[in-house]
Amino acid sequence: MGWARTLFLGDIGNRLDIEDCEGEIRRLRESLAFQGGIDRSQDGEIGRLKSENDELKLYLAALIRLLVAKNVIAGDEIAKVVQAIDMEDGSADGRMAGPVM
């Protein structure tokens, strides 16, 4: 209420305004703490996904190198297939969103 509460109630009105502000600060702190928990949870999930992605890249690199070393397929053949698949969505952006098969 601000000035009206102070005008009519004096010090009591001031104290009520202070209590309102303290309550709002408490609610904001709780909201920030809750958001912080969500952020930490998301950070953990992002870290887990990065680790999983790194492991998948490791296995993919090992598989490609093994196939090339055993002369099952040539490295340039793999590059051509990757380029063709990358262009399937209309842009060469290094990503694939469609089905694998």
Protein backbone atom coordinates (compact mmCIF):
# COMPACT_ATOMS: atom_id res chain seq x y z
CA MET A 1 0.00 0.00 0.00
CA GLY A 2 2.94 2.28 0.55
CA TRP A 3 2.28 5.89 1.53
CA ALA A 4 -1.46 5.45 2.22
CA ARG A 5 -0.83 2.75 4.80
CA THR A 6 1.86 4.92 6.45
CA LEU A 7 -0.37 7.99 6.40
CA PHE A 8 -3.28 6.23 8.08
CA LEU A 9 -1.46 3.79 10.33
CA GLY A 10 1.90 5.48 11.01
CA ASP A 11 4.62 3.15 12.31
CA ILE A 12 2.29 0.17 12.16
CA GLY A 13 1.73 0.87 8.46
CA ASN A 14 5.49 1.07 7.92
CA ARG A 15 5.97 -2.26 9.67
CA LEU A 16 3.26 -3.85 7.54
CA ASP A 17 4.99 -2.53 4.38
CA ILE A 18 8.30 -3.97 5.61
CA GLU A 19 6.66 -7.36 6.27
CA ASP A 20 5.19 -7.29 2.75
CA CYS A 21 8.64 -6.60 1.30
CA GLU A 22 10.23 -9.32 3.42
CA GLY A 23 7.58 -11.78 2.24
CA GLU A 24 8.21 -10.88 -1.38
CA ILE A 25 11.98 -11.26 -0.89
CA ARG A 26 11.40 -14.69 0.69
CA ARG A 27 9.22 -15.76 -2.26
CA LEU A 28 11.84 -14.54 -4.74
CA ARG A 29 14.61 -16.42 -2.90
CA GLU A 30 12.55 -19.62 -2.93
CA SER A 31 11.88 -19.16 -6.63
CA LEU A 32 15.58 -18.65 -7.33
CA ALA A 33 16.50 -21.71 -5.27
CA PHE A 34 13.98 -23.80 -7.20
CA GLN A 35 15.27 -22.48 -10.54
CA GLY A 36 18.83 -23.20 -9.40
CA GLY A 37 17.86 -26.81 -8.75
CA ILE A 38 16.40 -27.08 -12.24
CA ASP A 39 19.55 -25.53 -13.73
CA ARG A 40 21.80 -27.96 -11.85
CA SER A 41 19.65 -30.86 -13.02
CA GLN A 42 19.86 -29.66 -16.63
CA ASP A 43 23.60 -29.12 -16.33
CA GLY A 44 23.98 -32.72 -15.15
CA GLU A 45 21.90 -34.02 -18.04
CA ILE A 46 23.88 -31.96 -20.56
CA GLY A 47 27.12 -33.32 -19.11
CA ARG A 48 25.82 -36.87 -19.36
CA LEU A 49 24.76 -36.33 -22.98
CA LYS A 50 28.16 -34.83 -23.86
CA SER A 51 29.90 -37.87 -22.37
CA GLU A 52 27.60 -40.22 -24.25
CA ASN A 53 28.19 -38.29 -27.49
CA ASP A 54 31.97 -38.46 -27.00
CA GLU A 55 31.77 -42.21 -26.45
CA LEU A 56 29.63 -42.68 -29.57
CA LYS A 57 32.12 -40.67 -31.65
CA LEU A 58 34.94 -42.85 -30.30
CA TYR A 59 33.16 -46.06 -31.30
CA LEU A 60 32.23 -44.63 -34.71
CA ALA A 61 35.82 -43.57 -35.38
CA ALA A 62 37.05 -47.02 -34.35
CA LEU A 63 34.52 -48.73 -36.61
CA ILE A 64 35.36 -46.56 -39.63
CA ARG A 65 39.10 -47.02 -39.15
CA LEU A 66 38.67 -50.77 -38.78
CA LEU A 67 36.57 -51.00 -41.96
CA VAL A 68 39.12 -48.92 -43.90
CA ALA A 69 42.08 -50.90 -42.48
CA LYS A 70 40.47 -54.21 -43.51
CA ASN A 71 39.75 -52.79 -46.99
CA VAL A 72 36.02 -53.34 -46.53
CA ILE A 73 35.38 -49.78 -47.71
CA ALA A 74 37.58 -46.87 -48.77
CA GLY A 75 37.73 -43.68 -46.73
CA ASP A 76 36.61 -41.55 -49.70
CA GLU A 77 33.56 -43.81 -50.16
CA ILE A 78 32.52 -43.12 -46.58
CA ALA A 79 33.01 -39.38 -47.13
CA LYS A 80 30.82 -39.48 -50.26
CA VAL A 81 28.02 -41.35 -48.46
CA VAL A 82 28.19 -38.93 -45.53
CA GLN A 83 27.91 -35.97 -47.94
CA ALA A 84 24.94 -37.57 -49.71
CA ILE A 85 23.12 -38.26 -46.45
CA ASP A 86 23.90 -34.76 -45.17
CA MET A 87 22.32 -33.23 -48.30
CA GLU A 88 19.11 -35.30 -47.99
CA ASP A 89 17.45 -32.51 -45.98
CA GLY A 90 18.54 -29.86 -48.48
CA SER A 91 21.52 -28.38 -46.68
CA ALA A 92 25.05 -29.49 -45.93
CA ASP A 93 25.07 -28.65 -42.23
CA GLY A 94 26.77 -31.68 -40.69
CA ARG A 95 23.53 -32.92 -39.16
CA MET A 96 20.93 -35.57 -39.87
CA ALA A 97 17.43 -35.51 -38.48
CA GLY A 98 15.76 -38.23 -40.54
CA PRO A 99 15.61 -41.97 -40.11
CA VAL A 100 18.84 -44.00 -40.24
CA MET A 101 17.50 -46.55 -42.69
